[in-house]
Amino acid sequence: MLKVVGVNIPVEVEADKGPITVNPGDYLIGDINGVIVLPKELAEKALPLMAKQVEADSKMAVEIQKGMTFTEASKRFRL
């Protein structure tokens, strides 16, 4: 059974390196490797960094489809 005890309040989550607080408005981003919390006040600074990563991933995908290994593509486009 689940009981709601609050709305729009910070939530503390236990993580490997200690507790992390997730605040209302923060972004949660997850994939097969785990989940990260992007504080809302850092989102604008993170967007340009993510754009570069998306561009690198797109280039990697093209080369992998042509036969390049993931490791080779990572070295070429993510460094």
N, C-alpha and C. Protein backbone atom coordinates (compact mmCIF):
# COMPACT_ATOMS: atom_id res chain seq x y z
N MET A 1 0.84 -1.17 0.00
CA MET A 1 0.00 0.00 0.00
C MET A 1 0.89 1.24 0.00
N LEU A 2 0.48 2.24 -0.70
CA LEU A 2 1.23 3.48 -0.83
C LEU A 2 0.43 4.62 -0.21
N LYS A 3 1.12 5.46 0.55
CA LYS A 3 0.46 6.60 1.18
C LYS A 3 1.20 7.87 0.79
N VAL A 4 0.51 8.83 0.22
CA VAL A 4 1.10 10.12 -0.14
C VAL A 4 1.21 10.95 1.13
N VAL A 5 2.44 11.44 1.37
CA VAL A 5 2.66 12.24 2.58
C VAL A 5 3.09 13.67 2.25
N GLY A 6 3.25 13.96 0.96
CA GLY A 6 3.63 15.31 0.59
C GLY A 6 3.67 15.47 -0.91
N VAL A 7 3.52 16.69 -1.37
CA VAL A 7 3.58 17.02 -2.80
C VAL A 7 4.48 18.25 -2.93
N ASN A 8 5.36 18.23 -3.94
CA ASN A 8 6.29 19.34 -4.19
C ASN A 8 7.18 19.63 -2.98
N ILE A 9 7.73 18.56 -2.43
CA ILE A 9 8.67 18.68 -1.33
C ILE A 9 9.96 17.94 -1.70
N PRO A 10 11.10 18.32 -1.14
CA PRO A 10 12.34 17.58 -1.40
C PRO A 10 12.23 16.13 -0.92
N VAL A 11 12.88 15.24 -1.66
CA VAL A 11 12.91 13.82 -1.31
C VAL A 11 14.37 13.42 -1.19
N GLU A 12 14.71 12.77 -0.10
CA GLU A 12 16.07 12.29 0.10
C GLU A 12 16.16 10.83 -0.31
N VAL A 13 17.13 10.52 -1.18
CA VAL A 13 17.32 9.17 -1.70
C VAL A 13 18.71 8.70 -1.31
N GLU A 14 18.82 7.48 -0.82
CA GLU A 14 20.12 6.93 -0.45
C GLU A 14 20.84 6.48 -1.72
N ALA A 15 22.09 6.90 -1.88
CA ALA A 15 22.91 6.55 -3.03
C ALA A 15 24.23 5.95 -2.56
N ASP A 16 25.02 5.44 -3.49
CA ASP A 16 26.30 4.82 -3.15
C ASP A 16 27.21 5.75 -2.35
N LYS A 17 27.23 7.02 -2.70
CA LYS A 17 28.13 7.98 -2.04
C LYS A 17 27.43 8.82 -0.98
N GLY A 18 26.31 8.33 -0.49
CA GLY A 18 25.58 9.06 0.54
C GLY A 18 24.25 9.56 0.02
N PRO A 19 23.47 10.19 0.87
CA PRO A 19 22.13 10.64 0.48
C PRO A 19 22.17 11.76 -0.55
N ILE A 20 21.19 11.75 -1.43
CA ILE A 20 21.03 12.79 -2.45
C ILE A 20 19.63 13.36 -2.28
N THR A 21 19.52 14.67 -2.36
CA THR A 21 18.22 15.31 -2.27
C THR A 21 17.73 15.66 -3.67
N VAL A 22 16.52 15.22 -3.98
CA VAL A 22 15.85 15.57 -5.24
C VAL A 22 14.79 16.61 -4.89
N ASN A 23 14.93 17.79 -5.49
CA ASN A 23 14.02 18.89 -5.20
C ASN A 23 12.97 19.04 -6.28
N PRO A 24 11.82 19.61 -5.96
CA PRO A 24 10.82 19.88 -6.99
C PRO A 24 11.43 20.69 -8.13
N GLY A 25 11.18 20.26 -9.35
CA GLY A 25 11.72 20.94 -10.53
C GLY A 25 13.01 20.36 -11.04
N ASP A 26 13.68 19.50 -10.25
CA ASP A 26 14.90 18.85 -10.72
C ASP A 26 14.56 17.85 -11.83
N TYR A 27 15.54 17.52 -12.64
CA TYR A 27 15.36 16.56 -13.72
C TYR A 27 15.99 15.23 -13.32
N LEU A 28 15.28 14.16 -13.56
CA LEU A 28 15.80 12.82 -13.37
C LEU A 28 16.03 12.22 -14.75
N ILE A 29 17.25 11.75 -14.99
CA ILE A 29 17.62 11.20 -16.29
C ILE A 29 18.18 9.81 -16.05
N GLY A 30 17.61 8.82 -16.72
CA GLY A 30 18.06 7.46 -16.47
C GLY A 30 18.20 6.64 -17.73
N ASP A 31 19.05 5.65 -17.64
CA ASP A 31 19.21 4.66 -18.70
C ASP A 31 19.59 3.34 -18.05
N ILE A 32 20.06 2.41 -18.84
CA ILE A 32 20.40 1.08 -18.33
C ILE A 32 21.51 1.13 -17.28
N ASN A 33 22.32 2.18 -17.32
CA ASN A 33 23.45 2.30 -16.39
C ASN A 33 23.10 2.97 -15.07
N GLY A 34 21.94 3.58 -14.98
CA GLY A 34 21.57 4.22 -13.72
C GLY A 34 20.76 5.48 -13.93
N VAL A 35 20.66 6.26 -12.87
CA VAL A 35 19.86 7.49 -12.86
C VAL A 35 20.70 8.63 -12.30
N ILE A 36 20.55 9.80 -12.90
CA ILE A 36 21.22 10.99 -12.35
C ILE A 36 20.17 12.04 -12.03
N VAL A 37 20.51 12.93 -11.14
CA VAL A 37 19.66 14.07 -10.80
C VAL A 37 20.36 15.31 -11.34
N LEU A 38 19.64 16.05 -12.19
CA LEU A 38 20.15 17.31 -12.71
C LEU A 38 19.37 18.43 -12.03
N PRO A 39 20.02 19.14 -11.11
CA PRO A 39 19.31 20.24 -10.43
C PRO A 39 18.82 21.27 -11.43
N LYS A 40 17.62 21.78 -11.21
CA LYS A 40 17.02 22.71 -12.18
C LYS A 40 17.90 23.92 -12.44
N GLU A 41 18.65 24.37 -11.42
CA GLU A 41 19.48 25.57 -11.61
C GLU A 41 20.70 25.30 -12.51
N LEU A 42 21.03 24.03 -12.76
CA LEU A 42 22.15 23.71 -13.64
C LEU A 42 21.71 23.29 -15.04
N ALA A 43 20.40 23.19 -15.27
CA ALA A 43 19.90 22.67 -16.55
C ALA A 43 20.39 23.50 -17.75
N GLU A 44 20.34 24.81 -17.65
CA GLU A 44 20.77 25.64 -18.78
C GLU A 44 22.25 25.45 -19.09
N LYS A 45 23.07 25.23 -18.08
CA LYS A 45 24.49 25.00 -18.29
C LYS A 45 24.75 23.62 -18.90
N ALA A 46 23.87 22.66 -18.59
CA ALA A 46 24.05 21.29 -19.07
C ALA A 46 23.62 21.12 -20.52
N LEU A 47 22.68 21.92 -20.99
CA LEU A 47 22.17 21.73 -22.35
C LEU A 47 23.26 21.77 -23.42
N PRO A 48 24.17 22.75 -23.41
CA PRO A 48 25.22 22.74 -24.44
C PRO A 48 26.11 21.48 -24.35
N LEU A 49 26.34 20.99 -23.16
CA LEU A 49 27.15 19.78 -22.99
C LEU A 49 26.43 18.57 -23.57
N MET A 50 25.12 18.50 -23.36
CA MET A 50 24.34 17.39 -23.89
C MET A 50 24.27 17.44 -25.41
N ALA A 51 24.19 18.64 -25.98
CA ALA A 51 24.14 18.77 -27.43
C ALA A 51 25.40 18.20 -28.06
N LYS A 52 26.55 18.45 -27.46
CA LYS A 52 27.81 17.91 -27.96
C LYS A 52 27.81 16.39 -27.88
N GLN A 53 27.25 15.84 -26.81
CA GLN A 53 27.19 14.39 -26.64
C GLN A 53 26.27 13.75 -27.68
N VAL A 54 25.13 14.38 -27.93
CA VAL A 54 24.18 13.87 -28.94
C VAL A 54 24.84 13.87 -30.31
N GLU A 55 25.57 14.93 -30.62
CA GLU A 55 26.27 15.01 -31.91
C GLU A 55 27.30 13.89 -32.03
N ALA A 56 28.07 13.67 -30.96
CA ALA A 56 29.07 12.59 -30.97
C ALA A 56 28.40 11.23 -31.12
N ASP A 57 27.30 11.01 -30.39
CA ASP A 57 26.59 9.73 -30.48
C ASP A 57 26.04 9.49 -31.89
N SER A 58 25.55 10.54 -32.52
CA SER A 58 25.03 10.40 -33.89
C SER A 58 26.14 10.01 -34.87
N LYS A 59 27.29 10.64 -34.74
CA LYS A 59 28.43 10.30 -35.59
C LYS A 59 28.89 8.87 -35.32
N MET A 60 28.90 8.49 -34.06
CA MET A 60 29.29 7.13 -33.71
C MET A 60 28.35 6.11 -34.34
N ALA A 61 27.04 6.38 -34.28
CA ALA A 61 26.05 5.44 -34.82
C ALA A 61 26.26 5.22 -36.31
N VAL A 62 26.56 6.28 -37.04
CA VAL A 62 26.80 6.16 -38.48
C VAL A 62 28.01 5.27 -38.74
N GLU A 63 29.09 5.51 -38.02
CA GLU A 63 30.31 4.74 -38.24
C GLU A 63 30.16 3.28 -37.79
N ILE A 64 29.44 3.05 -36.71
CA ILE A 64 29.20 1.68 -36.25
C ILE A 64 28.40 0.91 -37.29
N GLN A 65 27.41 1.57 -37.90
CA GLN A 65 26.63 0.92 -38.96
C GLN A 65 27.51 0.58 -40.17
N LYS A 66 28.57 1.35 -40.38
CA LYS A 66 29.50 1.08 -41.48
C LYS A 66 30.51 0.00 -41.13
N GLY A 67 30.54 -0.42 -39.85
CA GLY A 67 31.44 -1.49 -39.46
C GLY A 67 32.48 -1.16 -38.41
N MET A 68 32.58 0.10 -38.03
CA MET A 68 33.54 0.48 -36.99
C MET A 68 33.07 -0.10 -35.66
N THR A 69 34.01 -0.49 -34.81
CA THR A 69 33.63 -1.00 -33.49
C THR A 69 33.21 0.15 -32.59
N PHE A 70 32.46 -0.18 -31.54
CA PHE A 70 32.04 0.83 -30.58
C PHE A 70 33.26 1.50 -29.93
N THR A 71 34.24 0.69 -29.59
CA THR A 71 35.44 1.21 -28.93
C THR A 71 36.16 2.20 -29.84
N GLU A 72 36.31 1.84 -31.11
CA GLU A 72 36.97 2.75 -32.06
C GLU A 72 36.17 4.05 -32.22
N ALA A 73 34.86 3.91 -32.35
CA ALA A 73 34.01 5.09 -32.53
C ALA A 73 34.05 5.99 -31.30
N SER A 74 34.07 5.38 -30.11
CA SER A 74 34.16 6.17 -28.88
C SER A 74 35.45 6.97 -28.83
N LYS A 75 36.53 6.31 -29.15
CA LYS A 75 37.84 7.01 -29.14
C LYS A 75 37.87 8.15 -30.14
N ARG A 76 37.24 7.93 -31.29
CA ARG A 76 37.28 8.94 -32.35
C ARG A 76 36.39 10.14 -32.06
N PHE A 77 35.20 9.90 -31.53
CA PHE A 77 34.23 10.98 -31.42
C PHE A 77 33.97 11.51 -30.01
N ARG A 78 34.36 10.77 -28.99
CA ARG A 78 34.06 11.21 -27.63
C ARG A 78 35.26 11.80 -26.91
N LEU A 79 36.40 11.85 -27.49
CA LEU A 79 37.56 12.42 -26.80
C LEU A 79 37.70 13.87 -27.04
